[in-house]
Protein backbone atom coordinates (compact mmCIF):
# COMPACT_ATOMS: atom_id res chain seq x y z
CA GLU A 1 22.37 99.66 224.70
CA LEU A 2 20.49 100.55 221.53
CA ILE A 3 22.87 103.41 220.78
CA ARG A 4 25.82 101.05 221.21
CA ALA A 5 24.18 98.49 218.89
CA GLU A 6 23.55 101.18 216.26
CA ALA A 7 27.19 102.28 216.40
CA GLN A 8 28.45 98.70 216.18
CA THR A 9 26.16 97.97 213.24
CA ASN A 10 27.42 101.09 211.48
CA VAL A 11 31.05 100.03 211.94
CA GLY A 12 30.06 96.72 210.38
CA VAL A 13 28.54 98.53 207.41
CA LEU A 14 31.80 100.40 206.93
CA LYS A 15 33.66 97.08 206.97
CA PHE A 16 31.19 95.76 204.38
CA ARG A 17 31.90 98.73 202.13
CA GLN A 18 35.63 98.05 202.51
CA GLY A 19 35.05 94.45 201.40
CA LYS A 20 35.89 93.09 204.86
CA LEU A 21 32.86 90.84 205.16
CA GLU A 22 34.12 88.66 208.01
CA GLU A 23 34.73 91.81 210.06
CA CYS A 24 31.28 93.02 209.10
CA LEU A 25 29.82 89.86 210.61
CA GLU A 26 31.88 90.31 213.78
CA TRP A 27 30.48 93.81 214.27
CA GLN A 28 26.92 92.63 213.70
CA GLU A 29 27.45 89.96 216.39
CA ARG A 30 28.68 92.66 218.76
CA ALA A 31 25.58 94.71 218.01
CA LEU A 32 23.37 91.72 218.77
CA LEU A 33 25.15 91.18 222.08
CA SER A 34 24.44 94.81 222.94
CA GLN A 35 20.84 94.68 221.73
CA PRO A 36 19.51 91.16 221.15
CA GLY A 37 17.18 90.97 218.17
CA TYR A 38 18.38 94.30 216.74
CA ILE A 39 16.76 94.18 213.33
CA TYR A 40 19.43 96.05 211.37
CA ALA A 41 22.21 93.83 212.73
CA LEU A 42 20.20 90.77 211.73
CA TYR A 43 19.62 92.19 208.26
CA ASN A 44 23.31 93.06 207.88
CA GLN A 45 24.24 89.51 208.87
CA GLY A 46 22.22 88.38 205.88
CA LEU A 47 23.92 90.87 203.62
CA CYS A 48 27.43 89.94 204.77
CA ASN A 49 26.71 86.23 204.50
CA TRP A 50 25.30 86.72 201.02
CA GLY A 51 28.50 88.52 200.05
CA LEU A 52 30.51 85.61 201.40
CA LYS A 53 28.37 83.19 199.34
CA ARG A 54 26.96 81.66 202.51
CA ILE A 55 23.52 81.64 200.97
CA ASP A 56 21.84 79.41 203.55
CA ALA A 57 23.08 81.64 206.39
CA ALA A 58 21.92 84.74 204.52
CA GLU A 59 18.50 83.22 203.97
CA ALA A 60 18.22 82.30 207.65
CA ALA A 61 19.13 85.84 208.69
CA TYR A 62 16.55 87.40 206.35
CA LYS A 63 13.89 85.00 207.60
CA GLU A 64 14.72 85.91 211.20
CA VAL A 65 14.28 89.57 210.32
CA LEU A 66 10.86 88.82 208.83
CA LYS A 67 9.80 86.82 211.87
CA ARG A 68 10.39 89.95 213.93
CA GLN A 69 9.22 92.54 211.39
CA PRO A 70 7.15 90.95 208.61
CA ARG A 71 7.07 94.13 206.54
CA PHE A 72 10.83 94.80 206.50
CA PRO A 73 11.29 95.42 202.75
CA MET A 74 15.03 94.89 202.51
CA ALA A 75 14.74 91.36 203.94
CA HIS A 76 12.05 90.54 201.36
CA ASN A 77 14.39 91.86 198.69
CA GLY A 78 17.25 89.72 200.03
CA LEU A 79 15.08 86.61 199.85
CA GLY A 80 14.06 87.59 196.34
CA VAL A 81 17.70 87.85 195.26
CA ILE A 82 18.41 84.44 196.77
CA ALA A 83 15.40 82.91 195.01
CA PHE A 84 16.52 84.45 191.72
CA GLU A 85 20.05 83.09 192.14
CA ARG A 86 18.61 79.64 192.85
CA LYS A 87 16.28 80.02 189.84
CA ASP A 88 13.36 79.41 192.21
CA TYR A 89 10.65 81.37 190.41
CA ARG A 90 7.56 80.10 192.20
């Protein structure tokens, strides 16, 4: 199941690079059905939602990543970008 989730996540990344963010989200959901809690699919959900300007959903995805892996640097970066956009400098 992990190999399937990795492949599905990678297809989603390709969709992201093509600018097809809704399709990116669909592939991340497929990956999470194959491997619940798959950290890269969760992170990519945040990235796709951020690209779609669904900032609250992106923030929730990044926070879920950090609940599972507190030292996941890309999720910290994502939250930093969101804080910067919100001008939340605390």
